[in-house]
Amino acid sequence: MTSTKGKSKRPLVRFQNEQKRFRLSESRIRRLAEKILLFLKLKVELHLTFVSDAQIRRLNKLFHAADRATDVLAFPNPQRWPGKENGPEFLGEIIVSVERAIAQSKQFQSTQDEELIRYVAHGILHLIGESDANPRAQKKMFKRQEKIIKQLKPISKILLSSPRRQGSL
């Protein structure tokens, strides 16, 4: 029998879809997030929550005093406390606006799936201390983010349904 002591742990990604307009592929999003964490050599636990613009606006106002929707919010584990006995360290939580990703995919001429995963990568970079607070830091973070996205291509389909029209059944 082989001992599991000392063996590296895989990242653990927890997924939650709080918005109701779009169906997302939980398994594909988890797999892509795990690939990002492994690319960054992080064997941690990460929580991903997908929300609407209205939901992220409320969170942005509550935590950042900014009364507007945003693409992604990252909440690092303030204590970086270790995980359970055999579990990974908890890195933090990333909140992604699905509606914002879809709108910005058109603006930036990327696929909706790519834009959603770009926000996950962006959030992870924030959780490990990267900043986009000034133009120089933003350029550095963007370059690293795009290197991650390039490693993931082609990105599989993660947005499984189109928006439901208002008033439709």
Protein backbone atom coordinates (compact mmCIF):
# COMPACT_ATOMS: atom_id res chain seq x y z
CA MET A 1 0.00 0.00 0.00
CA THR A 2 1.29 3.49 -0.85
CA SER A 3 1.26 6.17 1.82
CA THR A 4 -0.59 9.40 1.02
CA LYS A 5 1.53 11.41 3.47
CA GLY A 6 3.61 14.02 1.75
CA LYS A 7 1.78 13.66 -1.56
CA SER A 8 0.59 16.88 -3.12
CA LYS A 9 -3.07 17.69 -2.87
CA ARG A 10 -5.12 18.76 -5.87
CA PRO A 11 -6.94 22.07 -5.84
CA LEU A 12 -10.53 21.98 -4.63
CA VAL A 13 -13.02 24.22 -6.43
CA ARG A 14 -16.48 24.79 -4.98
CA PHE A 15 -19.10 26.09 -7.41
CA GLN A 16 -22.33 28.00 -6.88
CA ASN A 17 -24.62 29.51 -9.52
CA GLU A 18 -26.80 32.13 -7.82
CA GLN A 19 -28.15 33.76 -10.99
CA LYS A 20 -31.16 32.35 -12.82
CA ARG A 21 -30.82 33.63 -16.41
CA PHE A 22 -28.13 31.28 -17.69
CA ARG A 23 -27.26 27.63 -17.20
CA LEU A 24 -23.56 27.01 -16.64
CA SER A 25 -21.53 23.81 -16.85
CA GLU A 26 -20.35 23.28 -13.30
CA SER A 27 -17.98 20.44 -14.22
CA ARG A 28 -16.26 22.38 -17.02
CA ILE A 29 -15.91 25.53 -14.93
CA ARG A 30 -14.43 23.53 -12.04
CA ARG A 31 -12.01 21.78 -14.40
CA LEU A 32 -10.87 25.08 -15.96
CA ALA A 33 -10.48 26.72 -12.54
CA GLU A 34 -8.42 23.72 -11.37
CA LYS A 35 -6.20 24.09 -14.46
CA ILE A 36 -5.63 27.77 -13.62
CA LEU A 37 -4.72 26.91 -10.03
CA LEU A 38 -2.34 24.15 -11.16
CA PHE A 39 -0.77 26.47 -13.76
CA LEU A 40 -0.08 28.89 -10.89
CA LYS A 41 1.17 25.97 -8.73
CA LEU A 42 -1.61 26.51 -6.18
CA LYS A 43 -3.05 23.49 -4.38
CA VAL A 44 -5.77 25.37 -2.54
CA GLU A 45 -9.51 25.48 -2.03
CA LEU A 46 -11.36 28.12 -4.04
CA HIS A 47 -15.02 29.11 -3.98
CA LEU A 48 -16.59 30.38 -7.23
CA THR A 49 -20.00 32.05 -7.22
CA PHE A 50 -21.75 33.22 -10.38
CA VAL A 51 -24.32 36.00 -9.98
CA SER A 52 -26.39 38.57 -11.89
CA ASP A 53 -25.47 42.24 -12.36
CA ALA A 54 -28.01 43.21 -9.69
CA GLN A 55 -26.46 40.78 -7.20
CA ILE A 56 -22.87 41.87 -7.83
CA ARG A 57 -23.93 45.52 -7.65
CA ARG A 58 -25.33 44.93 -4.14
CA LEU A 59 -22.12 43.19 -3.08
CA ASN A 60 -19.95 45.91 -4.62
CA LYS A 61 -21.92 48.56 -2.75
CA LEU A 62 -21.78 46.63 0.52
CA PHE A 63 -18.07 45.79 0.45
CA HIS A 64 -16.54 48.54 -1.69
CA ALA A 65 -19.05 51.43 -1.38
CA ALA A 66 -19.37 51.44 -5.19
CA ASP A 67 -23.00 51.48 -6.27
CA ARG A 68 -22.46 49.86 -9.67
CA ALA A 69 -22.20 46.44 -11.21
CA THR A 70 -18.71 45.11 -11.84
CA ASP A 71 -17.32 42.06 -13.59
CA VAL A 72 -15.61 40.24 -10.72
CA LEU A 73 -15.09 40.58 -6.98
CA ALA A 74 -12.41 38.68 -5.09
CA PHE A 75 -12.51 38.08 -1.36
CA PRO A 76 -9.23 36.61 -0.12
CA ASN A 77 -9.09 34.53 3.01
CA PRO A 78 -7.87 37.18 5.45
CA GLN A 79 -6.06 34.68 7.64
CA ARG A 80 -4.96 32.22 4.95
CA TRP A 81 -5.77 29.55 7.51
CA PRO A 82 -4.85 25.99 6.65
CA GLY A 83 -7.50 23.61 5.50
CA LYS A 84 -8.73 20.56 7.31
CA GLU A 85 -6.26 17.83 8.27
CA ASN A 86 -6.11 16.44 4.71
CA GLY A 87 -7.66 19.36 2.86
CA PRO A 88 -6.10 22.26 0.99
CA GLU A 89 -5.65 25.77 2.33
CA PHE A 90 -8.65 28.05 1.64
CA LEU A 91 -7.57 30.80 -0.79
CA GLY A 92 -10.81 32.79 -0.97
CA GLU A 93 -13.98 33.41 -2.94
CA ILE A 94 -14.52 34.88 -6.38
CA ILE A 95 -17.87 36.36 -7.42
CA VAL A 96 -18.46 36.67 -11.18
CA SER A 97 -21.26 38.53 -12.97
CA VAL A 98 -22.43 36.34 -15.84
CA GLU A 99 -24.35 39.21 -17.45
CA ARG A 100 -21.27 41.48 -17.33
CA ALA A 101 -19.10 38.76 -18.91
CA ILE A 102 -21.56 38.33 -21.76
CA ALA A 103 -21.83 42.08 -22.39
CA GLN A 104 -18.07 42.57 -22.27
CA SER A 105 -17.38 39.59 -24.52
CA LYS A 106 -19.09 41.54 -27.30
CA GLN A 107 -17.16 44.70 -26.42
CA PHE A 108 -13.78 42.89 -26.33
CA GLN A 109 -14.61 40.51 -29.22
CA SER A 110 -14.02 37.34 -27.23
CA THR A 111 -16.31 34.39 -26.68
CA GLN A 112 -18.68 34.44 -23.73
CA ASP A 113 -17.04 31.30 -22.34
CA GLU A 114 -13.57 32.83 -22.61
CA GLU A 115 -14.72 36.01 -20.87
CA LEU A 116 -16.25 34.05 -17.97
CA ILE A 117 -13.02 32.11 -17.44
CA ARG A 118 -10.98 35.31 -17.85
CA TYR A 119 -12.85 36.68 -14.80
CA VAL A 120 -12.05 33.53 -12.84
CA ALA A 121 -8.35 33.91 -13.72
CA HIS A 122 -8.49 37.63 -12.87
CA GLY A 123 -10.09 36.88 -9.52
CA ILE A 124 -7.51 34.21 -8.67
CA LEU A 125 -4.72 36.66 -9.45
CA HIS A 126 -6.32 39.16 -7.05
CA LEU A 127 -6.54 36.45 -4.38
CA ILE A 128 -2.79 35.81 -4.61
CA GLY A 129 -1.99 39.50 -4.27
CA GLU A 130 -1.92 40.87 -7.82
CA SER A 131 -3.31 44.37 -8.25
CA ASP A 132 -4.74 46.39 -11.09
CA ALA A 133 -4.94 49.61 -9.08
CA ASN A 134 -2.63 51.61 -11.37
CA PRO A 135 -1.74 51.42 -15.07
CA ARG A 136 1.63 49.69 -14.54
CA ALA A 137 0.17 47.01 -12.23
CA GLN A 138 -2.84 46.63 -14.51
CA LYS A 139 -0.60 45.97 -17.52
CA LYS A 140 1.42 43.37 -15.59
CA MET A 141 -1.72 41.64 -14.28
CA PHE A 142 -3.39 41.67 -17.70
CA LYS A 143 -0.31 40.09 -19.29
CA ARG A 144 -0.28 37.29 -16.71
CA GLN A 145 -4.04 36.79 -17.04
CA GLU A 146 -3.81 36.47 -20.82
CA LYS A 147 -0.93 33.99 -20.51
CA ILE A 148 -3.22 31.84 -18.35
CA ILE A 149 -6.12 32.11 -20.82
CA LYS A 150 -3.79 31.14 -23.69
CA GLN A 151 -2.84 27.96 -21.79
CA LEU A 152 -6.52 26.99 -21.49
CA LYS A 153 -7.46 27.37 -25.16
CA PRO A 154 -9.53 26.07 -26.71
CA ILE A 155 -12.02 26.80 -23.95
CA SER A 156 -14.89 24.35 -23.88
CA LYS A 157 -18.52 25.45 -23.77
CA ILE A 158 -19.45 26.53 -20.24
CA LEU A 159 -22.42 28.79 -20.94
CA LEU A 160 -25.13 26.26 -21.71
CA SER A 161 -28.17 28.43 -22.41
CA SER A 162 -29.14 31.73 -23.91
CA PRO A 163 -30.88 34.34 -21.81
CA ARG A 164 -34.55 33.86 -21.20
CA ARG A 165 -36.59 36.75 -22.54
CA GLN A 166 -38.47 38.88 -20.05
CA GLY A 167 -42.06 37.75 -19.87
CA SER A 168 -41.42 34.39 -21.55
CA LEU A 169 -42.32 31.11 -19.92
